[in-house]
C-alpha cells in the first residue's frame, strides 16, 4: 500500500465519525503533478525531500491549525558547479547541527558501499525496477548533502528506468556512478578531516 492508498483508506474510515487526521506527504519525487495528486487523495500538505527542519515544523503547524500548505521554499544559494557536495547546504538541512551532518556523511558512505555494487549488478542484469529504486533512494540522500549534480543524475536515471530503452538507462547510470564516486571521495576527505584523533 502506498501513501495515496493509505490516505484514501484513512479518509474512508474517518467518514462516519467526522474525525480528520492530519496527513503530510513526504517524498523524494519531484515530478510534475505529484503535489496535486497527493492533495487530491486527501492529504493536507506536501513536503519534498530534502526538506529543512524549520520548514517542516512550519508545515506541520500550518496543517494542524487548518491552514493551507505553504508555498515552495526559496532556492538555497547555489554551490560551486565543481563541488560534489555543499557542506553549508547540508548544515542548513541539519538545522546547523555539525554532529548531524557528520552522521549523514558517515551513513551515506556506509550505505554507498552496499548500494553501488547492487546498482552495478542491476545494471548488468538490466533490472530497471531495482535500478530505479536505487536512483530514487540516492536522490533523497544526495539532496541532504547538497549534492546538486548527483541529485540531477539520480533523477535522470530514475526517469530513464521508466522506459525500456536500455541504452539510455546505461548512459544515465554511468553519469550517476561518476557523480557518486566524486561525492564519495569528497565526503571521505571531509570525514577524515572532521573525525577527532583517538588517543592510544
N, C-alpha and C. Protein backbone atom coordinates (compact mmCIF):
# COMPACT_ATOMS: atom_id res chain seq x y z
N UNK A 1 0.85 -1.19 0.00
CA UNK A 1 0.00 0.00 0.00
C UNK A 1 0.89 1.24 0.00
N UNK A 2 0.68 2.14 -0.95
CA UNK A 2 1.47 3.37 -0.96
C UNK A 2 0.76 4.46 -0.17
N UNK A 3 1.37 5.62 -0.11
CA UNK A 3 0.82 6.70 0.71
C UNK A 3 -0.54 7.17 0.27
N UNK A 4 -0.77 7.23 -1.03
CA UNK A 4 -2.07 7.67 -1.54
C UNK A 4 -3.16 6.67 -1.18
N UNK A 5 -2.83 5.37 -1.31
CA UNK A 5 -3.81 4.33 -0.96
C UNK A 5 -4.09 4.34 0.55
N UNK A 6 -3.03 4.54 1.34
CA UNK A 6 -3.23 4.58 2.79
C UNK A 6 -4.08 5.78 3.19
N UNK A 7 -3.85 6.91 2.54
CA UNK A 7 -4.64 8.11 2.85
C UNK A 7 -6.11 7.89 2.51
N UNK A 8 -6.36 7.29 1.36
CA UNK A 8 -7.74 7.03 0.95
C UNK A 8 -8.44 6.12 1.96
N UNK A 9 -7.75 5.11 2.46
CA UNK A 9 -8.36 4.20 3.44
C UNK A 9 -8.63 4.93 4.75
N UNK A 10 -7.67 5.74 5.19
CA UNK A 10 -7.87 6.51 6.43
C UNK A 10 -9.07 7.44 6.31
N UNK A 11 -9.16 8.12 5.18
CA UNK A 11 -10.27 9.06 4.99
C UNK A 11 -11.62 8.32 4.97
N UNK A 12 -11.68 7.14 4.39
CA UNK A 12 -12.93 6.37 4.38
C UNK A 12 -13.32 5.96 5.80
N UNK A 13 -12.33 5.54 6.59
CA UNK A 13 -12.61 5.12 7.96
C UNK A 13 -13.05 6.28 8.84
N UNK A 14 -12.62 7.50 8.49
CA UNK A 14 -12.96 8.67 9.29
C UNK A 14 -14.36 9.19 9.03
N UNK A 15 -14.92 8.85 7.87
CA UNK A 15 -16.18 9.46 7.44
C UNK A 15 -17.33 9.32 8.45
N UNK A 16 -17.55 8.14 9.05
CA UNK A 16 -18.72 8.03 9.95
C UNK A 16 -18.66 8.96 11.16
N UNK A 17 -17.46 9.16 11.71
CA UNK A 17 -17.38 9.97 12.93
C UNK A 17 -16.96 11.41 12.69
N UNK A 18 -16.59 11.73 11.48
CA UNK A 18 -16.18 13.10 11.17
C UNK A 18 -14.78 13.46 11.65
N UNK A 19 -14.01 12.48 12.08
CA UNK A 19 -12.64 12.74 12.52
C UNK A 19 -11.76 13.06 11.32
N UNK A 20 -10.71 13.87 11.56
CA UNK A 20 -9.78 14.19 10.47
C UNK A 20 -8.35 14.14 10.99
N UNK A 21 -7.59 13.17 10.50
CA UNK A 21 -6.18 13.01 10.89
C UNK A 21 -5.31 13.81 9.93
N UNK A 22 -4.49 14.72 10.44
CA UNK A 22 -3.59 15.47 9.54
C UNK A 22 -2.61 14.51 8.86
N UNK A 23 -2.48 14.62 7.56
CA UNK A 23 -1.56 13.77 6.78
C UNK A 23 -0.73 14.65 5.87
N UNK A 24 0.58 14.50 5.97
CA UNK A 24 1.51 15.25 5.12
C UNK A 24 2.30 14.25 4.28
N UNK A 25 2.32 14.45 2.99
CA UNK A 25 3.12 13.61 2.10
C UNK A 25 4.57 14.06 2.19
N UNK A 26 5.48 13.08 2.22
CA UNK A 26 6.90 13.38 2.18
C UNK A 26 7.53 12.45 1.16
N UNK A 27 8.08 13.01 0.11
CA UNK A 27 8.57 12.18 -0.98
C UNK A 27 9.77 12.81 -1.64
N UNK A 28 10.64 11.97 -2.16
CA UNK A 28 11.78 12.47 -2.93
C UNK A 28 11.38 12.69 -4.38
N UNK A 29 10.18 12.29 -4.76
CA UNK A 29 9.72 12.56 -6.13
C UNK A 29 9.55 14.05 -6.32
N UNK A 30 10.00 14.55 -7.44
CA UNK A 30 9.82 15.95 -7.76
C UNK A 30 9.24 16.05 -9.16
N UNK A 31 8.28 15.21 -9.45
CA UNK A 31 7.70 15.15 -10.78
C UNK A 31 6.44 16.00 -10.84
N UNK A 32 6.18 16.52 -12.05
CA UNK A 32 5.01 17.36 -12.25
C UNK A 32 3.74 16.61 -11.85
N UNK A 33 2.90 17.25 -11.08
CA UNK A 33 1.61 16.68 -10.71
C UNK A 33 1.63 15.88 -9.42
N UNK A 34 2.82 15.60 -8.85
CA UNK A 34 2.88 14.81 -7.62
C UNK A 34 2.14 15.49 -6.47
N UNK A 35 2.41 16.79 -6.29
CA UNK A 35 1.77 17.51 -5.18
C UNK A 35 0.26 17.52 -5.34
N UNK A 36 -0.21 17.76 -6.56
CA UNK A 36 -1.65 17.81 -6.80
C UNK A 36 -2.30 16.45 -6.54
N UNK A 37 -1.62 15.37 -6.94
CA UNK A 37 -2.16 14.02 -6.71
C UNK A 37 -2.29 13.73 -5.22
N UNK A 38 -1.28 14.15 -4.45
CA UNK A 38 -1.33 13.92 -3.01
C UNK A 38 -2.48 14.69 -2.36
N UNK A 39 -2.64 15.94 -2.75
CA UNK A 39 -3.71 16.76 -2.15
C UNK A 39 -5.08 16.25 -2.58
N UNK A 40 -5.20 15.82 -3.83
CA UNK A 40 -6.48 15.28 -4.30
C UNK A 40 -6.84 13.98 -3.59
N UNK A 41 -5.82 13.24 -3.13
CA UNK A 41 -6.07 11.99 -2.42
C UNK A 41 -6.55 12.21 -1.00
N UNK A 42 -6.50 13.47 -0.53
CA UNK A 42 -6.98 13.76 0.81
C UNK A 42 -5.89 14.15 1.79
N UNK A 43 -4.66 14.28 1.31
CA UNK A 43 -3.59 14.72 2.20
C UNK A 43 -3.72 16.23 2.45
N UNK A 44 -3.13 16.67 3.54
CA UNK A 44 -3.27 18.08 3.93
C UNK A 44 -2.07 18.93 3.56
N UNK A 45 -0.95 18.31 3.25
CA UNK A 45 0.25 19.06 2.93
C UNK A 45 1.23 18.18 2.19
N UNK A 46 2.28 18.80 1.68
CA UNK A 46 3.23 18.10 0.83
C UNK A 46 4.62 18.65 1.09
N UNK A 47 5.58 17.77 1.40
CA UNK A 47 6.98 18.17 1.59
C UNK A 47 7.85 17.34 0.68
N UNK A 48 8.69 18.00 -0.08
CA UNK A 48 9.59 17.31 -0.99
C UNK A 48 10.97 17.22 -0.36
N UNK A 49 11.53 16.03 -0.32
CA UNK A 49 12.87 15.84 0.24
C UNK A 49 13.92 16.29 -0.75
N UNK A 50 15.03 16.87 -0.29
CA UNK A 50 15.33 17.12 1.13
C UNK A 50 14.58 18.35 1.63
N UNK A 51 14.22 18.36 2.90
CA UNK A 51 13.50 19.47 3.48
C UNK A 51 14.33 20.07 4.61
N UNK A 52 14.06 21.33 4.92
CA UNK A 52 14.70 21.97 6.05
C UNK A 52 13.83 21.77 7.28
N UNK A 53 14.43 21.44 8.43
CA UNK A 53 13.63 21.17 9.63
C UNK A 53 12.68 22.30 10.00
N UNK A 54 13.14 23.56 9.86
CA UNK A 54 12.26 24.66 10.24
C UNK A 54 11.05 24.74 9.32
N UNK A 55 11.24 24.39 8.04
CA UNK A 55 10.12 24.43 7.10
C UNK A 55 9.15 23.29 7.36
N UNK A 56 9.68 22.13 7.75
CA UNK A 56 8.78 21.01 8.09
C UNK A 56 7.96 21.34 9.33
N UNK A 57 8.60 21.95 10.33
CA UNK A 57 7.87 22.34 11.54
C UNK A 57 6.77 23.34 11.19
N UNK A 58 7.08 24.31 10.32
CA UNK A 58 6.08 25.30 9.93
C UNK A 58 4.92 24.65 9.17
N UNK A 59 5.25 23.68 8.30
CA UNK A 59 4.20 22.98 7.56
C UNK A 59 3.29 22.20 8.50
N UNK A 60 3.88 21.51 9.48
CA UNK A 60 3.09 20.75 10.46
C UNK A 60 2.17 21.68 11.23
N UNK A 61 2.70 22.81 11.68
CA UNK A 61 1.88 23.77 12.42
C UNK A 61 0.74 24.29 11.56
N UNK A 62 1.04 24.61 10.30
CA UNK A 62 0.01 25.13 9.40
C UNK A 62 -1.10 24.09 9.18
N UNK A 63 -0.70 22.84 8.95
CA UNK A 63 -1.67 21.78 8.69
C UNK A 63 -2.52 21.52 9.93
N UNK A 64 -1.87 21.45 11.08
CA UNK A 64 -2.62 21.16 12.31
C UNK A 64 -3.53 22.31 12.71
N UNK A 65 -3.18 23.53 12.25
CA UNK A 65 -4.03 24.68 12.53
C UNK A 65 -5.13 24.85 11.50
N UNK A 66 -5.09 23.97 10.48
CA UNK A 66 -6.13 24.05 9.45
C UNK A 66 -5.82 25.01 8.33
N UNK A 67 -4.58 25.50 8.28
CA UNK A 67 -4.21 26.44 7.23
C UNK A 67 -3.82 25.72 5.97
N UNK A 68 -3.61 26.49 4.92
CA UNK A 68 -3.19 25.92 3.65
C UNK A 68 -1.70 25.63 3.70
N UNK A 69 -1.24 24.61 2.97
CA UNK A 69 0.19 24.33 2.92
C UNK A 69 0.94 25.53 2.38
N UNK A 70 2.11 25.85 2.96
CA UNK A 70 2.87 27.00 2.49
C UNK A 70 3.40 26.78 1.09
N UNK A 71 3.67 27.88 0.42
CA UNK A 71 4.23 27.80 -0.93
C UNK A 71 5.64 27.24 -0.85
N UNK A 72 6.17 26.84 -2.01
CA UNK A 72 7.50 26.27 -2.05
C UNK A 72 8.55 27.20 -1.48
N UNK A 73 9.59 26.61 -0.93
CA UNK A 73 10.64 27.41 -0.30
C UNK A 73 11.54 28.04 -1.34
N UNK A 74 12.19 29.15 -1.02
CA UNK A 74 13.14 29.74 -1.95
C UNK A 74 14.34 28.82 -2.11
N UNK A 75 14.94 28.86 -3.29
CA UNK A 75 16.08 28.01 -3.54
C UNK A 75 17.29 28.50 -2.76
N UNK A 76 18.08 27.56 -2.19
CA UNK A 76 19.27 27.99 -1.48
C UNK A 76 20.30 28.52 -2.45
N UNK A 77 21.26 29.32 -1.96
CA UNK A 77 22.29 29.83 -2.85
C UNK A 77 23.06 28.68 -3.47
N UNK A 78 23.36 28.76 -4.77
CA UNK A 78 23.99 27.63 -5.44
C UNK A 78 25.42 27.40 -4.97
N UNK A 79 25.82 26.13 -4.91
CA UNK A 79 27.21 25.79 -4.61
C UNK A 79 28.04 25.94 -5.86
N UNK A 80 29.33 25.84 -5.70
CA UNK A 80 30.22 25.88 -6.85
C UNK A 80 29.88 24.74 -7.78
N UNK A 81 29.81 24.99 -9.10
CA UNK A 81 29.45 23.92 -10.03
C UNK A 81 30.40 22.72 -9.93
N UNK A 82 31.65 22.97 -9.49
CA UNK A 82 32.62 21.89 -9.41
C UNK A 82 32.49 21.08 -8.12
N UNK A 83 31.77 21.61 -7.14
CA UNK A 83 31.71 20.96 -5.83
C UNK A 83 30.81 19.73 -5.88
N UNK A 84 31.32 18.54 -5.48
CA UNK A 84 30.47 17.35 -5.47
C UNK A 84 29.35 17.43 -4.45
N UNK A 85 29.58 18.18 -3.34
CA UNK A 85 28.54 18.37 -2.35
C UNK A 85 28.72 19.73 -1.72
N UNK A 86 27.73 20.17 -0.93
CA UNK A 86 27.74 21.51 -0.35
C UNK A 86 27.59 21.40 1.17
N UNK A 87 28.72 21.45 1.91
CA UNK A 87 28.63 21.33 3.37
C UNK A 87 27.72 22.36 4.01
N UNK A 88 27.67 23.58 3.46
CA UNK A 88 26.82 24.61 4.05
C UNK A 88 25.34 24.29 3.86
N UNK A 89 25.00 23.70 2.72
CA UNK A 89 23.61 23.30 2.48
C UNK A 89 23.25 22.12 3.40
N UNK A 90 24.18 21.18 3.55
CA UNK A 90 23.95 20.06 4.45
C UNK A 90 23.73 20.56 5.88
N UNK A 91 24.50 21.58 6.28
CA UNK A 91 24.35 22.14 7.63
C UNK A 91 22.99 22.81 7.78
N UNK A 92 22.53 23.51 6.74
CA UNK A 92 21.21 24.15 6.80
C UNK A 92 20.11 23.10 6.96
N UNK A 93 20.22 22.02 6.20
CA UNK A 93 19.20 20.97 6.27
C UNK A 93 19.26 20.23 7.59
N UNK A 94 20.42 20.27 8.26
CA UNK A 94 20.57 19.62 9.56
C UNK A 94 20.34 20.59 10.71
N UNK A 95 19.72 21.71 10.42
CA UNK A 95 19.43 22.71 11.45
C UNK A 95 20.68 23.23 12.13
N UNK A 96 21.80 23.26 11.38
CA UNK A 96 23.05 23.79 11.90
C UNK A 96 23.80 22.87 12.83
N UNK A 97 23.35 21.63 12.97
CA UNK A 97 23.97 20.68 13.89
C UNK A 97 25.10 19.94 13.17
N UNK A 98 26.35 20.23 13.55
CA UNK A 98 27.50 19.62 12.89
C UNK A 98 27.55 18.11 13.11
N UNK A 99 27.12 17.66 14.28
CA UNK A 99 27.11 16.22 14.55
C UNK A 99 26.13 15.49 13.64
N UNK A 100 25.01 16.17 13.33
CA UNK A 100 24.03 15.57 12.42
C UNK A 100 24.61 15.47 11.02
N UNK A 101 25.35 16.51 10.59
CA UNK A 101 26.00 16.47 9.28
C UNK A 101 26.98 15.30 9.24
N UNK A 102 27.77 15.14 10.29
CA UNK A 102 28.74 14.04 10.34
C UNK A 102 28.04 12.69 10.27
N UNK A 103 26.89 12.58 10.92
CA UNK A 103 26.12 11.33 10.89
C UNK A 103 25.58 11.06 9.48
N UNK A 104 25.07 12.12 8.82
CA UNK A 104 24.56 11.97 7.46
C UNK A 104 25.68 11.51 6.53
N UNK A 105 26.86 12.12 6.68
CA UNK A 105 28.00 11.77 5.83
C UNK A 105 28.41 10.32 6.04
N UNK A 106 28.59 9.91 7.31
CA UNK A 106 29.04 8.54 7.58
C UNK A 106 27.99 7.52 7.15
N UNK A 107 26.70 7.85 7.33
CA UNK A 107 25.63 6.94 6.93
C UNK A 107 25.60 6.78 5.42
N UNK A 108 25.77 7.90 4.70
CA UNK A 108 25.77 7.84 3.24
C UNK A 108 26.93 6.98 2.74
N UNK A 109 28.12 7.19 3.30
CA UNK A 109 29.29 6.43 2.86
C UNK A 109 29.10 4.93 3.11
N UNK A 110 28.57 4.59 4.27
CA UNK A 110 28.32 3.19 4.60
C UNK A 110 27.29 2.59 3.66
N UNK A 111 26.22 3.33 3.40
CA UNK A 111 25.16 2.85 2.53
C UNK A 111 25.66 2.66 1.10
N UNK A 112 26.51 3.60 0.64
CA UNK A 112 27.00 3.56 -0.73
C UNK A 112 27.85 2.31 -0.98
N UNK A 113 28.56 1.87 0.03
CA UNK A 113 29.38 0.66 -0.13
C UNK A 113 28.53 -0.57 -0.43
N UNK A 114 27.25 -0.52 -0.06
CA UNK A 114 26.35 -1.63 -0.34
C UNK A 114 25.51 -1.40 -1.59
N UNK A 115 25.03 -0.17 -1.74
CA UNK A 115 24.08 0.09 -2.83
C UNK A 115 24.76 0.24 -4.19
N UNK A 116 25.99 0.75 -4.24
CA UNK A 116 26.62 0.91 -5.55
C UNK A 116 26.92 -0.44 -6.20
N UNK A 117 27.48 -1.41 -5.47
CA UNK A 117 27.63 -2.73 -6.10
C UNK A 117 26.29 -3.35 -6.51
N UNK A 118 25.25 -3.11 -5.70
CA UNK A 118 23.93 -3.64 -6.05
C UNK A 118 23.42 -2.99 -7.33
N UNK A 119 23.69 -1.70 -7.50
CA UNK A 119 23.25 -1.00 -8.71
C UNK A 119 24.02 -1.49 -9.93
N UNK A 120 25.30 -1.74 -9.76
CA UNK A 120 26.09 -2.27 -10.88
C UNK A 120 25.55 -3.63 -11.32
N UNK A 121 25.18 -4.45 -10.34
CA UNK A 121 24.60 -5.75 -10.65
C UNK A 121 23.26 -5.58 -11.36
N UNK A 122 22.44 -4.65 -10.89
CA UNK A 122 21.14 -4.41 -11.52
C UNK A 122 21.31 -3.90 -12.94
N UNK A 123 22.31 -3.02 -13.14
CA UNK A 123 22.56 -2.50 -14.50
C UNK A 123 23.00 -3.63 -15.42
N UNK A 124 23.86 -4.51 -14.92
CA UNK A 124 24.34 -5.63 -15.72
C UNK A 124 23.18 -6.57 -16.07
N UNK A 125 22.27 -6.77 -15.10
CA UNK A 125 21.13 -7.66 -15.31
C UNK A 125 19.96 -6.97 -16.02
N UNK A 126 20.12 -5.68 -16.31
CA UNK A 126 19.07 -4.89 -16.95
C UNK A 126 17.78 -4.88 -16.12
N UNK A 127 17.95 -4.79 -14.82
CA UNK A 127 16.82 -4.77 -13.89
C UNK A 127 16.41 -3.31 -13.67
N UNK A 128 15.49 -2.84 -14.50
CA UNK A 128 15.09 -1.43 -14.45
C UNK A 128 14.43 -1.07 -13.12
N UNK A 129 13.64 -1.98 -12.57
CA UNK A 129 12.93 -1.69 -11.34
C UNK A 129 13.90 -1.48 -10.17
N UNK A 130 14.87 -2.39 -10.04
CA UNK A 130 15.84 -2.27 -8.95
C UNK A 130 16.70 -1.03 -9.11
N UNK A 131 17.11 -0.75 -10.33
CA UNK A 131 17.96 0.40 -10.59
C UNK A 131 17.20 1.71 -10.33
N UNK A 132 15.94 1.74 -10.74
CA UNK A 132 15.12 2.93 -10.49
C UNK A 132 14.89 3.17 -9.01
N UNK A 133 14.70 2.07 -8.25
CA UNK A 133 14.50 2.20 -6.80
C UNK A 133 15.76 2.75 -6.13
N UNK A 134 16.93 2.30 -6.57
CA UNK A 134 18.17 2.81 -6.01
C UNK A 134 18.39 4.27 -6.38
N UNK A 135 18.04 4.64 -7.61
CA UNK A 135 18.17 6.03 -8.02
C UNK A 135 17.29 6.93 -7.16
N UNK A 136 16.09 6.46 -6.88
CA UNK A 136 15.18 7.22 -6.02
C UNK A 136 15.76 7.36 -4.61
N UNK A 137 16.31 6.29 -4.11
CA UNK A 137 16.93 6.31 -2.77
C UNK A 137 18.10 7.29 -2.72
N UNK A 138 18.96 7.24 -3.72
CA UNK A 138 20.11 8.14 -3.77
C UNK A 138 19.68 9.59 -3.92
N UNK A 139 18.61 9.81 -4.65
CA UNK A 139 18.17 11.19 -4.89
C UNK A 139 17.89 11.90 -3.58
N UNK A 140 17.21 11.23 -2.66
CA UNK A 140 16.93 11.83 -1.36
C UNK A 140 18.18 12.02 -0.53
N UNK A 141 19.07 11.01 -0.53
CA UNK A 141 20.29 11.09 0.27
C UNK A 141 21.22 12.18 -0.25
N UNK A 142 21.37 12.25 -1.56
CA UNK A 142 22.23 13.27 -2.16
C UNK A 142 21.67 14.67 -1.91
N UNK A 143 20.35 14.77 -1.88
CA UNK A 143 19.74 16.07 -1.59
C UNK A 143 20.09 16.57 -0.21
N UNK A 144 20.16 15.66 0.76
CA UNK A 144 20.53 16.04 2.13
C UNK A 144 21.95 16.57 2.20
N UNK A 145 22.77 16.18 1.24
CA UNK A 145 24.17 16.60 1.21
C UNK A 145 24.39 17.83 0.33
N UNK A 146 23.34 18.33 -0.27
CA UNK A 146 23.51 19.46 -1.18
C UNK A 146 24.30 19.09 -2.42
N UNK A 147 24.25 17.79 -2.81
CA UNK A 147 24.98 17.30 -3.98
C UNK A 147 24.10 17.47 -5.22
N UNK A 148 24.06 18.68 -5.74
CA UNK A 148 23.09 19.00 -6.79
C UNK A 148 23.31 18.22 -8.08
N UNK A 149 24.58 18.04 -8.47
CA UNK A 149 24.85 17.28 -9.69
C UNK A 149 24.42 15.84 -9.52
N UNK A 150 24.69 15.29 -8.35
CA UNK A 150 24.27 13.91 -8.08
C UNK A 150 22.76 13.76 -8.08
N UNK A 151 22.06 14.73 -7.49
CA UNK A 151 20.59 14.69 -7.49
C UNK A 151 20.05 14.71 -8.92
N UNK A 152 20.63 15.58 -9.75
CA UNK A 152 20.18 15.68 -11.14
C UNK A 152 20.41 14.36 -11.88
N UNK A 153 21.56 13.74 -11.65
CA UNK A 153 21.86 12.45 -12.30
C UNK A 153 20.94 11.34 -11.79
N UNK A 154 20.66 11.35 -10.48
CA UNK A 154 19.76 10.34 -9.92
C UNK A 154 18.35 10.49 -10.48
N UNK A 155 17.90 11.73 -10.60
CA UNK A 155 16.57 11.98 -11.16
C UNK A 155 16.52 11.53 -12.61
N UNK A 156 17.60 11.79 -13.36
CA UNK A 156 17.65 11.39 -14.77
C UNK A 156 17.58 9.87 -14.89
N UNK A 157 18.31 9.16 -14.02
CA UNK A 157 18.28 7.70 -14.08
C UNK A 157 16.91 7.17 -13.67
N UNK A 158 16.33 7.75 -12.64
CA UNK A 158 15.01 7.29 -12.19
C UNK A 158 13.99 7.42 -13.32
N UNK A 159 14.03 8.53 -14.02
CA UNK A 159 13.09 8.74 -15.13
C UNK A 159 13.41 7.80 -16.29
N UNK A 160 14.72 7.57 -16.55
CA UNK A 160 15.11 6.67 -17.64
C UNK A 160 14.62 5.25 -17.39
N UNK A 161 14.60 4.84 -16.11
CA UNK A 161 14.19 3.48 -15.77
C UNK A 161 12.71 3.24 -15.99
N UNK A 162 11.94 4.27 -16.29
CA UNK A 162 10.52 4.09 -16.59
C UNK A 162 10.30 3.69 -18.05
N UNK A 163 11.38 3.71 -18.84
CA UNK A 163 11.25 3.33 -20.24
C UNK A 163 12.07 2.06 -20.49
N UNK A 164 11.79 1.36 -21.58
CA UNK A 164 12.54 0.12 -21.87
C UNK A 164 13.85 0.36 -22.62
N UNK A 165 14.25 1.61 -22.79
CA UNK A 165 15.44 1.93 -23.57
C UNK A 165 16.69 1.66 -22.73
N UNK A 166 17.27 0.49 -22.92
CA UNK A 166 18.41 0.07 -22.10
C UNK A 166 19.61 0.98 -22.31
N UNK A 167 19.84 1.44 -23.54
CA UNK A 167 21.00 2.29 -23.81
C UNK A 167 20.91 3.60 -23.02
N UNK A 168 19.71 4.18 -22.95
CA UNK A 168 19.53 5.42 -22.20
C UNK A 168 19.73 5.17 -20.70
N UNK A 169 19.23 4.03 -20.22
CA UNK A 169 19.38 3.69 -18.81
C UNK A 169 20.86 3.50 -18.47
N UNK A 170 21.59 2.78 -19.32
CA UNK A 170 23.00 2.53 -19.06
C UNK A 170 23.80 3.85 -19.07
N UNK A 171 23.48 4.73 -20.00
CA UNK A 171 24.17 6.02 -20.06
C UNK A 171 23.88 6.85 -18.82
N UNK A 172 22.62 6.86 -18.38
CA UNK A 172 22.24 7.63 -17.19
C UNK A 172 22.91 7.05 -15.95
N UNK A 173 23.00 5.71 -15.89
CA UNK A 173 23.67 5.10 -14.74
C UNK A 173 25.16 5.44 -14.73
N UNK A 174 25.78 5.46 -15.89
CA UNK A 174 27.19 5.82 -15.97
C UNK A 174 27.44 7.23 -15.44
N UNK A 175 26.57 8.18 -15.79
CA UNK A 175 26.71 9.55 -15.31
C UNK A 175 26.51 9.63 -13.80
N UNK A 176 25.51 8.89 -13.31
CA UNK A 176 25.26 8.91 -11.87
C UNK A 176 26.42 8.26 -11.11
N UNK A 177 26.94 7.17 -11.62
CA UNK A 177 28.05 6.50 -10.96
C UNK A 177 29.26 7.43 -10.84
N UNK A 178 29.54 8.20 -11.89
CA UNK A 178 30.64 9.16 -11.85
C UNK A 178 30.40 10.20 -10.77
N UNK A 179 29.16 10.70 -10.70
CA UNK A 179 28.81 11.71 -9.69
C UNK A 179 28.91 11.12 -8.28
N UNK A 180 28.45 9.88 -8.11
CA UNK A 180 28.51 9.24 -6.80
C UNK A 180 29.95 9.04 -6.33
N UNK A 181 30.82 8.65 -7.22
CA UNK A 181 32.22 8.44 -6.86
C UNK A 181 32.89 9.75 -6.47
N UNK A 182 32.50 10.84 -7.16
CA UNK A 182 33.04 12.15 -6.80
C UNK A 182 32.56 12.59 -5.42
N UNK A 183 31.27 12.34 -5.16
CA UNK A 183 30.72 12.66 -3.84
C UNK A 183 31.40 11.81 -2.77
N UNK A 184 31.58 10.53 -3.05
CA UNK A 184 32.21 9.63 -2.08
C UNK A 184 33.61 10.12 -1.72
N UNK A 185 34.40 10.51 -2.74
CA UNK A 185 35.76 10.97 -2.48
C UNK A 185 35.76 12.25 -1.64
N UNK A 186 34.86 13.17 -1.96
CA UNK A 186 34.79 14.44 -1.22
C UNK A 186 34.32 14.21 0.21
N UNK A 187 33.34 13.36 0.39
CA UNK A 187 32.83 13.08 1.73
C UNK A 187 33.87 12.35 2.58
N UNK A 188 34.59 11.42 1.96
CA UNK A 188 35.61 10.68 2.70
C UNK A 188 36.69 11.63 3.20
N UNK A 189 37.09 12.59 2.34
CA UNK A 189 38.10 13.57 2.74
C UNK A 189 37.57 14.44 3.88
N UNK A 190 36.31 14.87 3.77
CA UNK A 190 35.71 15.69 4.82
C UNK A 190 35.60 14.91 6.12
N UNK A 191 35.21 13.64 6.01
CA UNK A 191 35.04 12.80 7.20
C UNK A 191 36.37 12.61 7.93
N UNK A 192 37.43 12.39 7.16
CA UNK A 192 38.75 12.21 7.78
C UNK A 192 39.20 13.47 8.50
N UNK A 193 38.95 14.62 7.88
CA UNK A 193 39.43 15.88 8.48
C UNK A 193 38.55 16.34 9.63
N UNK A 194 37.35 15.75 9.78
CA UNK A 194 36.46 16.18 10.85
C UNK A 194 36.28 15.10 11.92
N UNK A 195 37.03 14.00 11.83
CA UNK A 195 36.97 12.98 12.85
C UNK A 195 38.13 13.18 13.82
N UNK A 196 37.84 13.43 15.09
CA UNK A 196 38.92 13.65 16.04
C UNK A 196 39.79 12.41 16.21
N UNK A 197 41.09 12.63 16.33
CA UNK A 197 42.03 11.53 16.52
C UNK A 197 41.82 10.91 17.89
N UNK A 198 41.83 9.59 17.94
CA UNK A 198 41.67 8.90 19.21
C UNK A 198 43.05 8.66 19.82
N UNK A 199 43.16 8.94 21.09
CA UNK A 199 44.43 8.69 21.77
C UNK A 199 44.58 7.21 22.06
N UNK A 200 45.80 6.70 21.96
CA UNK A 200 46.02 5.27 22.17
C UNK A 200 46.10 4.96 23.65
